[in-house]
Protein backbone atom coordinates (compact mmCIF):
# COMPACT_ATOMS: atom_id res chain seq x y z
CA MET A 1 0.00 0.00 0.00
CA THR A 2 2.87 2.42 0.81
CA PHE A 3 4.42 1.84 -2.61
CA ARG A 4 1.06 2.43 -4.33
CA LYS A 5 0.50 5.71 -2.45
CA THR A 6 4.00 6.89 -3.28
CA THR A 7 3.50 6.14 -6.99
CA ILE A 8 0.21 8.11 -7.06
CA ALA A 9 1.84 11.07 -5.31
CA LEU A 10 4.78 11.13 -7.70
CA THR A 11 2.51 10.90 -10.74
CA SER A 12 0.54 13.89 -9.44
CA LEU A 13 3.72 15.88 -8.87
CA ILE A 14 4.95 15.15 -12.37
CA LEU A 15 1.63 16.34 -13.86
CA VAL A 16 1.79 19.52 -11.78
CA ALA A 17 5.33 20.08 -12.95
CA GLY A 18 4.19 19.69 -16.56
CA LEU A 19 1.39 22.21 -16.13
CA LEU A 20 3.69 24.70 -14.48
CA SER A 21 6.16 24.25 -17.27
CA GLY A 22 3.50 25.04 -19.93
CA PHE A 23 1.98 27.94 -17.99
CA LEU A 24 5.28 29.62 -17.32
CA LEU A 25 6.72 29.03 -20.78
CA GLY A 26 8.52 32.13 -21.85
CA GLN A 27 8.65 33.55 -18.31
CA THR A 28 11.83 34.37 -16.43
CA THR A 29 14.86 32.09 -16.35
CA SER A 30 14.55 31.81 -12.57
CA VAL A 31 11.12 30.18 -12.93
CA GLN A 32 12.51 27.68 -15.49
CA THR A 33 15.30 26.94 -13.08
CA VAL A 34 12.79 26.22 -10.31
CA VAL A 35 10.82 23.88 -12.57
CA SER A 36 14.02 22.13 -13.69
CA THR A 37 15.15 21.71 -10.11
CA PHE A 38 11.70 20.38 -9.17
CA LYS A 39 11.87 17.77 -11.97
CA GLU A 40 15.35 16.68 -10.87
CA GLN A 41 14.13 16.18 -7.30
CA ILE A 42 11.14 14.11 -8.50
CA PHE A 43 13.22 11.81 -10.69
CA SER A 44 15.86 11.56 -7.99
CA THR A 45 13.13 10.34 -5.62
CA VAL A 46 11.88 7.79 -8.21
CA THR A 47 15.43 6.52 -8.71
CA THR A 48 15.90 6.17 -4.96
CA ILE A 49 12.67 4.17 -4.61
CA ARG A 50 13.65 1.89 -7.46
CA THR A 51 17.09 1.40 -5.94
CA GLU A 52 15.57 0.59 -2.56
CA MET A 53 13.23 -1.93 -4.21
CA LYS A 54 16.19 -3.75 -5.71
CA THR A 55 17.91 -4.10 -2.35
CA VAL A 56 14.93 -5.81 -0.68
CA THR A 57 15.64 -9.56 -0.30
CA ALA A 58 13.43 -12.34 1.00
CA THR A 59 14.80 -14.60 3.74
CA VAL A 60 13.85 -18.25 3.19
CA GLU A 61 14.25 -20.62 6.12
CA PRO A 62 16.36 -23.67 5.08
CA ARG A 63 14.32 -26.86 5.00
CA GLU A 64 15.37 -29.59 7.40
CA PRO A 65 16.60 -32.67 5.53
CA LEU A 66 14.16 -35.57 5.45
CA VAL A 67 16.90 -37.91 6.69
CA LYS A 68 19.33 -36.38 9.21
CA TYR A 69 21.21 -39.16 10.99
CA ALA A 70 20.76 -42.40 9.04
CA LYS A 71 23.39 -43.05 6.37
CA LEU A 72 22.06 -46.23 4.78
CA PHE A 73 18.78 -45.07 3.22
CA THR A 74 17.49 -41.99 1.45
CA LEU A 75 14.00 -40.55 1.12
CA GLU A 76 12.67 -38.11 -1.47
CA ARG A 77 9.08 -36.91 -1.60
CA HIS A 78 7.69 -35.71 -4.92
CA GLN A 79 4.28 -34.73 -6.19
CA GLY A 80 2.43 -38.02 -6.56
CA TYR A 81 5.24 -40.40 -5.60
CA THR A 82 8.12 -41.10 -3.20
CA LEU A 83 11.60 -42.39 -3.97
CA LEU A 84 13.56 -44.49 -1.48
CA ARG A 85 17.02 -46.04 -1.51
CA ASP A 86 17.01 -49.17 0.62
CA GLY A 87 19.79 -50.86 2.57
CA ILE A 88 21.45 -52.33 -0.52
CA ASN A 89 21.10 -49.13 -2.54
CA ARG A 90 18.12 -50.23 -4.66
CA THR A 91 15.73 -47.57 -5.93
CA ILE A 92 12.21 -48.14 -4.60
CA LEU A 93 9.40 -46.15 -6.22
CA LEU A 94 6.32 -45.72 -4.01
CA VAL A 95 3.10 -44.72 -5.75
CA PRO A 96 -0.30 -44.25 -4.07
CA ARG A 97 -2.95 -46.74 -5.12
CA GLY A 98 -4.92 -45.46 -8.10
CA ALA A 99 -2.31 -42.87 -9.09
CA PRO A 100 -0.40 -43.13 -12.39
CA VAL A 101 3.07 -44.64 -12.21
CA PRO A 102 5.66 -42.05 -13.31
CA GLN A 103 8.24 -42.98 -15.94
CA ILE A 104 11.12 -43.32 -13.48
CA LYS A 105 13.73 -46.06 -13.54
CA ALA A 106 13.40 -48.10 -10.34
CA ASP A 107 14.33 -51.54 -9.04
CA LEU A 108 10.92 -52.00 -7.47
CA VAL A 109 7.54 -50.26 -7.70
CA VAL A 110 5.32 -50.53 -4.61
CA ARG A 111 1.71 -49.34 -4.37
CA THR A 112 0.95 -47.66 -1.06
CA PRO A 113 -0.31 -48.22 1.47
CA VAL A 114 0.80 -51.85 1.34
CA GLU A 115 -2.01 -54.20 2.31
CA LYS A 116 0.01 -57.29 3.29
CA VAL A 117 3.54 -57.04 4.63
CA LEU A 118 5.85 -59.78 5.87
CA LEU A 119 8.48 -58.76 8.45
CA GLN A 120 11.75 -60.54 9.14
CA SER A 121 12.95 -58.90 12.36
CA SER A 122 11.42 -58.07 15.73
CA THR A 123 12.96 -54.61 15.31
CA HIS A 124 10.77 -54.08 12.23
CA VAL A 125 7.79 -55.00 14.39
CA ALA A 126 8.97 -52.59 17.09
CA VAL A 127 8.95 -49.65 14.68
CA LEU A 128 5.43 -50.52 13.49
CA GLU A 129 4.33 -50.71 17.12
CA ARG A 130 5.55 -47.15 17.62
CA LEU A 131 3.62 -46.02 14.55
CA ARG A 132 0.48 -47.40 16.18
CA GLU A 133 0.53 -44.29 18.39
CA TYR A 134 -0.94 -42.50 15.37
CA SER A 135 -2.37 -45.42 13.39
CA PRO A 136 -3.60 -48.26 15.67
CA GLU A 137 -4.85 -50.23 12.66
CA VAL A 138 -1.44 -50.47 10.94
CA LEU A 139 -0.87 -53.87 12.55
CA ASP A 140 -3.80 -55.18 10.47
CA ARG A 141 -1.49 -55.01 7.47
CA VAL A 142 1.09 -57.41 8.95
CA ALA A 143 0.43 -60.83 7.42
CA GLY A 144 3.43 -62.71 8.75
CA ILE A 145 6.59 -62.54 10.86
CA MET A 146 9.72 -64.67 10.58
CA TRP A 147 10.51 -66.37 13.88
CA GLY A 148 7.12 -65.16 15.07
CA GLN A 149 6.58 -68.01 17.53
CA SER A 150 10.23 -68.13 18.60
CA TYR A 151 10.28 -64.85 20.51
CA GLU A 152 8.82 -63.85 23.81
CA TRP A 153 6.89 -60.82 22.64
CA TYR A 154 6.80 -57.63 24.68
CA PHE A 155 4.08 -56.22 22.45
CA PRO A 156 0.85 -57.85 23.72
CA GLU A 157 -1.20 -57.25 20.58
CA VAL A 158 1.45 -58.88 18.39
CA ALA A 159 1.51 -61.88 20.73
CA ARG A 160 -2.29 -62.17 20.58
CA ARG A 161 -2.40 -62.04 16.80
CA LEU A 162 0.30 -64.68 16.46
CA ALA A 163 -1.55 -66.88 18.92
CA ASP A 164 -4.89 -66.69 17.09
CA GLY A 165 -3.39 -66.91 13.61
CA ARG A 166 -4.14 -63.40 12.37
CA ILE A 167 -0.37 -63.03 11.95
CA LYS A 168 1.39 -66.13 10.59
CA ASP A 169 4.74 -67.45 11.73
CA VAL A 170 6.69 -68.26 8.53
CA GLY A 171 9.75 -69.89 10.09
CA SER A 172 13.26 -68.75 10.86
CA ALA A 173 14.86 -65.68 9.37
CA PHE A 174 17.68 -67.77 7.90
CA SER A 175 15.51 -70.47 6.34
CA PRO A 176 11.87 -69.39 6.21
CA ASP A 177 9.01 -71.50 4.89
CA TYR A 178 8.69 -70.13 1.37
CA GLU A 179 5.50 -72.06 0.68
CA ARG A 180 3.81 -70.28 3.58
CA ILE A 181 5.17 -66.97 2.36
CA LEU A 182 3.83 -67.57 -1.16
CA ALA A 183 0.45 -68.55 0.29
CA LEU A 184 0.23 -65.19 2.06
CA ARG A 185 0.83 -63.34 -1.23
CA PRO A 186 2.47 -60.34 0.46
CA ASP A 187 2.70 -56.96 -1.25
CA LEU A 188 6.06 -56.55 0.42
CA VAL A 189 8.66 -58.51 2.38
CA MET A 190 10.89 -56.42 4.65
CA ILE A 191 14.21 -58.07 5.45
CA TYR A 192 17.68 -57.35 6.77
CA THR A 193 20.60 -58.92 4.99
CA PHE A 194 24.25 -59.89 5.39
CA PRO A 195 27.03 -61.28 3.15
CA GLY A 196 26.05 -64.68 1.80
CA ASP A 197 22.43 -64.29 2.89
CA PRO A 198 20.39 -66.98 1.04
CA VAL A 199 17.02 -65.31 1.69
CA ILE A 200 17.51 -62.37 -0.61
CA SER A 201 18.32 -64.51 -3.66
CA LYS A 202 15.41 -66.87 -2.95
CA LEU A 203 12.94 -63.98 -2.72
CA ALA A 204 14.25 -62.66 -6.03
CA GLU A 205 13.90 -66.10 -7.57
CA LEU A 206 10.28 -66.35 -6.40
CA LYS A 207 9.61 -62.81 -7.68
CA LEU A 208 8.47 -61.71 -4.25
CA PRO A 209 8.81 -57.92 -3.76
CA TYR A 210 11.27 -57.15 -0.98
CA VAL A 211 13.10 -54.21 0.56
CA VAL A 212 16.17 -54.23 2.79
CA ASN A 213 16.01 -52.51 6.16
CA SER A 214 19.55 -52.01 7.49
CA GLU A 215 18.84 -50.11 10.71
CA TYR A 216 21.09 -52.47 12.69
CA LEU A 217 24.12 -51.27 10.71
CA GLU A 218 23.67 -47.58 11.49
CA THR A 219 26.37 -45.97 13.62
CA HIS A 220 24.27 -43.34 15.40
CA PRO A 221 21.50 -44.19 17.89
CA LEU A 222 19.13 -41.73 16.20
CA GLY A 223 20.18 -43.07 12.81
CA ARG A 224 18.91 -46.50 13.81
CA PHE A 225 15.53 -45.17 14.85
CA GLU A 226 15.27 -42.86 11.86
CA TRP A 227 14.41 -45.94 9.80
CA ILE A 228 10.91 -45.40 11.15
CA LYS A 229 10.60 -42.91 8.27
CA PHE A 230 11.56 -45.63 5.79
CA VAL A 231 9.01 -48.07 7.20
CA ALA A 232 6.27 -45.44 7.49
CA ALA A 233 6.52 -44.51 3.82
CA PHE A 234 5.05 -47.90 2.80
CA PHE A 235 1.95 -47.21 4.92
CA ASN A 236 1.45 -43.52 4.02
CA LEU A 237 2.37 -42.61 7.60
CA GLU A 238 5.21 -40.21 6.84
CA ASP A 239 3.75 -37.36 8.92
CA ALA A 240 3.30 -39.64 11.93
CA ALA A 241 6.89 -40.85 11.62
CA GLU A 242 8.17 -37.26 11.49
CA LYS A 243 6.32 -36.35 14.70
CA ILE A 244 7.46 -39.46 16.54
CA PHE A 245 11.06 -39.03 15.43
CA ARG A 246 11.08 -35.37 16.45
CA THR A 247 9.90 -36.34 19.95
CA VAL A 248 12.67 -38.92 20.29
CA GLU A 249 15.29 -36.51 18.96
CA ILE A 250 14.33 -33.75 21.41
CA ASN A 251 14.53 -36.18 24.32
CA TYR A 252 17.90 -37.49 23.11
CA VAL A 253 19.41 -34.02 22.71
CA TYR A 254 18.15 -32.95 26.15
CA THR A 255 19.74 -35.97 27.84
CA THR A 256 22.96 -35.48 25.89
CA ASP A 257 23.27 -31.82 26.83
CA ARG A 258 22.46 -32.50 30.47
CA ALA A 259 24.99 -35.33 30.80
CA LYS A 260 27.78 -33.37 29.14
CA HIS A 261 27.02 -30.34 31.30
CA LEU A 262 27.33 -32.45 34.47
CA VAL A 263 30.76 -33.66 33.41
CA GLU A 264 32.07 -30.37 32.02
CA LYS A 265 31.03 -28.42 35.14
CA GLY A 266 32.51 -31.01 37.48
CA TYR A 267 29.24 -32.19 39.02
CA GLU A 268 30.04 -35.72 37.85
CA LYS A 269 33.33 -37.39 36.99
CA GLN A 270 33.83 -38.67 33.45
CA MET A 271 32.88 -42.33 33.67
CA LYS A 272 34.96 -45.10 32.12
CA ILE A 273 32.80 -47.90 30.77
CA VAL A 274 33.27 -51.44 29.41
CA TRP A 275 30.58 -52.88 27.12
CA PHE A 276 30.91 -56.56 26.16
CA SER A 277 29.42 -60.04 26.09
CA VAL A 278 31.04 -63.45 26.45
CA PHE A 279 29.89 -66.70 24.91
CA ARG A 280 31.74 -70.00 25.20
CA GLY A 281 34.96 -68.23 26.10
CA THR A 282 34.87 -65.68 23.28
CA VAL A 283 34.61 -62.01 24.24
CA TYR A 284 32.64 -59.70 21.95
CA VAL A 285 32.89 -55.94 22.40
CA ALA A 286 31.05 -53.07 20.71
CA GLY A 287 33.32 -51.29 18.25
CA GLY A 288 34.33 -47.71 18.90
CA GLY A 289 32.52 -46.65 15.73
CA SER A 290 29.27 -48.40 16.63
CA TYR A 291 26.03 -46.80 17.78
CA VAL A 292 26.90 -47.96 21.33
CA GLY A 293 30.25 -46.17 21.15
CA LYS A 294 28.49 -43.06 19.85
CA ALA A 295 25.87 -43.15 22.62
CA LEU A 296 28.54 -43.37 25.33
CA GLU A 297 30.49 -40.51 23.76
CA GLU A 298 27.34 -38.37 23.58
CA LEU A 299 26.76 -38.99 27.29
CA GLY A 300 30.23 -37.72 28.19
CA ALA A 301 31.65 -41.15 29.05
CA VAL A 302 34.94 -42.76 28.02
CA TYR A 303 34.46 -46.07 26.24
CA VAL A 304 37.50 -48.26 26.84
CA PHE A 305 37.35 -49.80 23.34
CA LYS A 306 36.83 -46.54 21.46
CA ASP A 307 40.10 -47.15 19.61
CA LEU A 308 38.55 -50.18 17.85
CA LYS A 309 37.21 -48.38 14.79
CA THR A 310 34.83 -51.08 13.66
CA THR A 311 31.20 -50.06 13.42
CA GLY A 312 29.95 -53.47 14.54
CA SER A 313 31.30 -55.83 17.15
CA ALA A 314 34.85 -57.12 17.55
CA THR A 315 36.47 -59.98 19.44
CA VAL A 316 39.22 -59.41 21.99
CA SER A 317 41.16 -61.72 24.26
CA VAL A 318 40.15 -62.24 27.88
CA GLU A 319 43.48 -60.73 28.92
CA GLU A 320 42.86 -57.53 26.97
CA LEU A 321 39.32 -57.24 28.35
CA VAL A 322 40.53 -57.59 31.94
CA ALA A 323 43.40 -55.14 31.42
CA ARG A 324 41.02 -52.46 30.16
CA ALA A 325 38.36 -53.21 32.77
CA VAL A 326 40.63 -53.08 35.84
CA ASP A 327 40.18 -49.36 36.53
CA ALA A 328 36.89 -48.82 34.69
CA ASP A 329 33.85 -47.48 36.54
CA VAL A 330 31.06 -49.51 34.97
CA ILE A 331 30.63 -52.80 33.12
CA VAL A 332 27.62 -53.42 30.89
CA LEU A 333 27.05 -56.98 29.72
CA SER A 334 25.36 -56.88 26.32
CA THR A 335 23.63 -60.20 26.92
CA ASP A 336 20.70 -61.51 28.93
CA LEU A 337 22.27 -64.97 29.30
CA ILE A 338 24.43 -64.07 32.32
CA VAL A 339 22.19 -63.26 35.27
CA SER A 340 24.56 -63.08 38.28
CA VAL A 341 28.06 -61.99 39.24
CA ASP A 342 28.90 -65.61 40.06
CA ALA A 343 27.91 -66.66 36.53
CA LEU A 344 30.08 -63.89 35.08
CA LEU A 345 33.09 -64.86 37.20
CA LYS A 346 32.62 -68.47 36.21
CA GLU A 347 33.15 -67.35 32.62
CA ILE A 348 35.99 -64.88 33.37
CA PRO A 349 37.37 -65.30 36.93
CA GLN A 350 39.95 -62.53 36.41
CA LEU A 351 37.18 -59.91 36.43
CA SER A 352 36.89 -60.32 40.21
CA GLN A 353 39.84 -57.93 40.56
CA THR A 354 38.26 -55.16 38.51
CA LYS A 355 36.83 -52.01 40.05
CA PRO A 356 33.26 -52.38 38.66
CA VAL A 357 32.91 -55.88 40.15
CA ARG A 358 34.34 -54.78 43.52
CA GLU A 359 32.02 -51.75 43.65
CA ASN A 360 28.91 -53.57 42.35
CA ARG A 361 28.59 -51.51 39.18
CA VAL A 362 27.93 -54.28 36.70
CA TYR A 363 24.75 -54.25 34.59
CA ARG A 364 23.24 -56.65 32.09
CA TYR A 365 20.67 -56.61 29.32
CA ASN A 366 17.12 -57.62 30.12
CA PRO A 367 15.49 -59.90 27.52
CA ASN A 368 13.09 -57.13 26.43
CA ILE A 369 15.87 -54.84 25.24
CA PHE A 370 16.07 -56.38 21.78
CA GLN A 371 12.53 -55.20 21.04
CA LEU A 372 12.04 -52.19 23.31
CA SER A 373 15.31 -50.42 22.44
CA LEU A 374 13.97 -49.87 18.90
CA TYR A 375 10.44 -49.20 20.08
CA GLU A 376 11.50 -46.55 22.59
CA PRO A 377 15.12 -45.59 21.90
CA GLU A 378 14.91 -42.46 24.06
CA LYS A 379 14.18 -44.70 27.06
CA TRP A 380 17.16 -46.93 26.18
CA PHE A 381 19.40 -43.86 26.04
CA ASN A 382 18.07 -42.44 29.31
CA GLU A 383 18.68 -45.74 31.08
CA ILE A 384 22.34 -45.62 30.04
CA ALA A 385 22.50 -42.10 31.52
CA GLU A 386 21.03 -43.55 34.73
CA ILE A 387 23.72 -46.25 34.80
CA LEU A 388 26.46 -43.65 34.37
CA TYR A 389 25.09 -40.95 36.70
CA PRO A 390 22.64 -42.63 39.11
CA THR A 391 22.38 -39.66 41.48
CA LYS A 392 21.41 -37.21 38.73
CA PHE A 393 18.98 -39.15 36.55
CA ASP A 394 15.84 -40.59 38.09
CA ILE A 395 15.01 -43.19 35.46
CA GLU A 396 13.10 -46.40 36.12
CA MET A 397 15.16 -49.22 34.61
CA GLU A 398 13.38 -51.59 32.24
CA MET A 399 15.96 -52.69 29.68
CA PHE A 400 19.00 -53.03 31.99
CA SER A 401 19.41 -54.63 35.43
CA PRO A 402 22.24 -54.54 37.98
CA LEU A 403 24.08 -57.85 38.20
CA ARG A 404 23.97 -59.30 41.73
């Protein structure tokens, strides 16, 4: 409105100047000079306005990337379709039912929302359970689960549906019953994979549509959970996934900042932590580049095997484990198979001389952790903060227990 008023005013002034010029034609030089000066001032004003208009710039807020922490999948939303890259870098084109399929080169075209999905891992189930916060009926689309009857389920509705046959158990993840799978006629099979995996080639042979979910290979705790966006895209639940992920991220960042502040300001000492499991004499430790190593770093702790750059697990000798654990503050056993200190010392007697054992600061996994840590990763992270700084975090432990 201001610009419009200014334009009208200037136009009027120019007309007045023209009239004055005609009326005073032939009059004194001083009058011509006044008119000339008046015109110069008008056009100077117009030039200034135009110059000012050119300098006005619009500030556009940068859009947050759709995938922030995960490194092993990508997600692109377009008008009328979505493009994904799955865990083995295949292009997956998602098109809503009834919409035309765009002419885009893809390894697999999936109509969404999928009506029958087959899941390979309990972690895939965990993510769907979290999506039920916004879409309780999404579980209706699960037709089968590999190893469905082999787990103790910590999701009651999943357990009920497996028991009454609404969800079918299709055998082990390494050698599923392909006849049962074919009978279900799934729109989609969601799997994880590993070198030499026979399942992926068999699904391709049977022309069963599959996608690879590689959340377990991510190196950041939030990157693992961010696969909820990947899963949600097949059910048209992208907005729900964004809201859930944002909630988890805020909680994670808050806990991170608080823990680091406690250490940096001297309210808590920097804790030294050992994270391992032992099975039949072999010691397995989380690599320094793993999501466990990242979580401990984010919480201001020192992980004794941070120098092992592997992003998965690694094996070390008993002697090396004991040497690094001697002056540590906390031990976490990444297994639910060892349930007492006596059982641990039966496996590795030398640990009796370590500080965490002497001071009763040894913790173990509870059996529910393998499902709940992907269902509620913020809770998993907060429980680790409770283990490290028990006087500062008041967290009820569900996924970890002290070893007695």
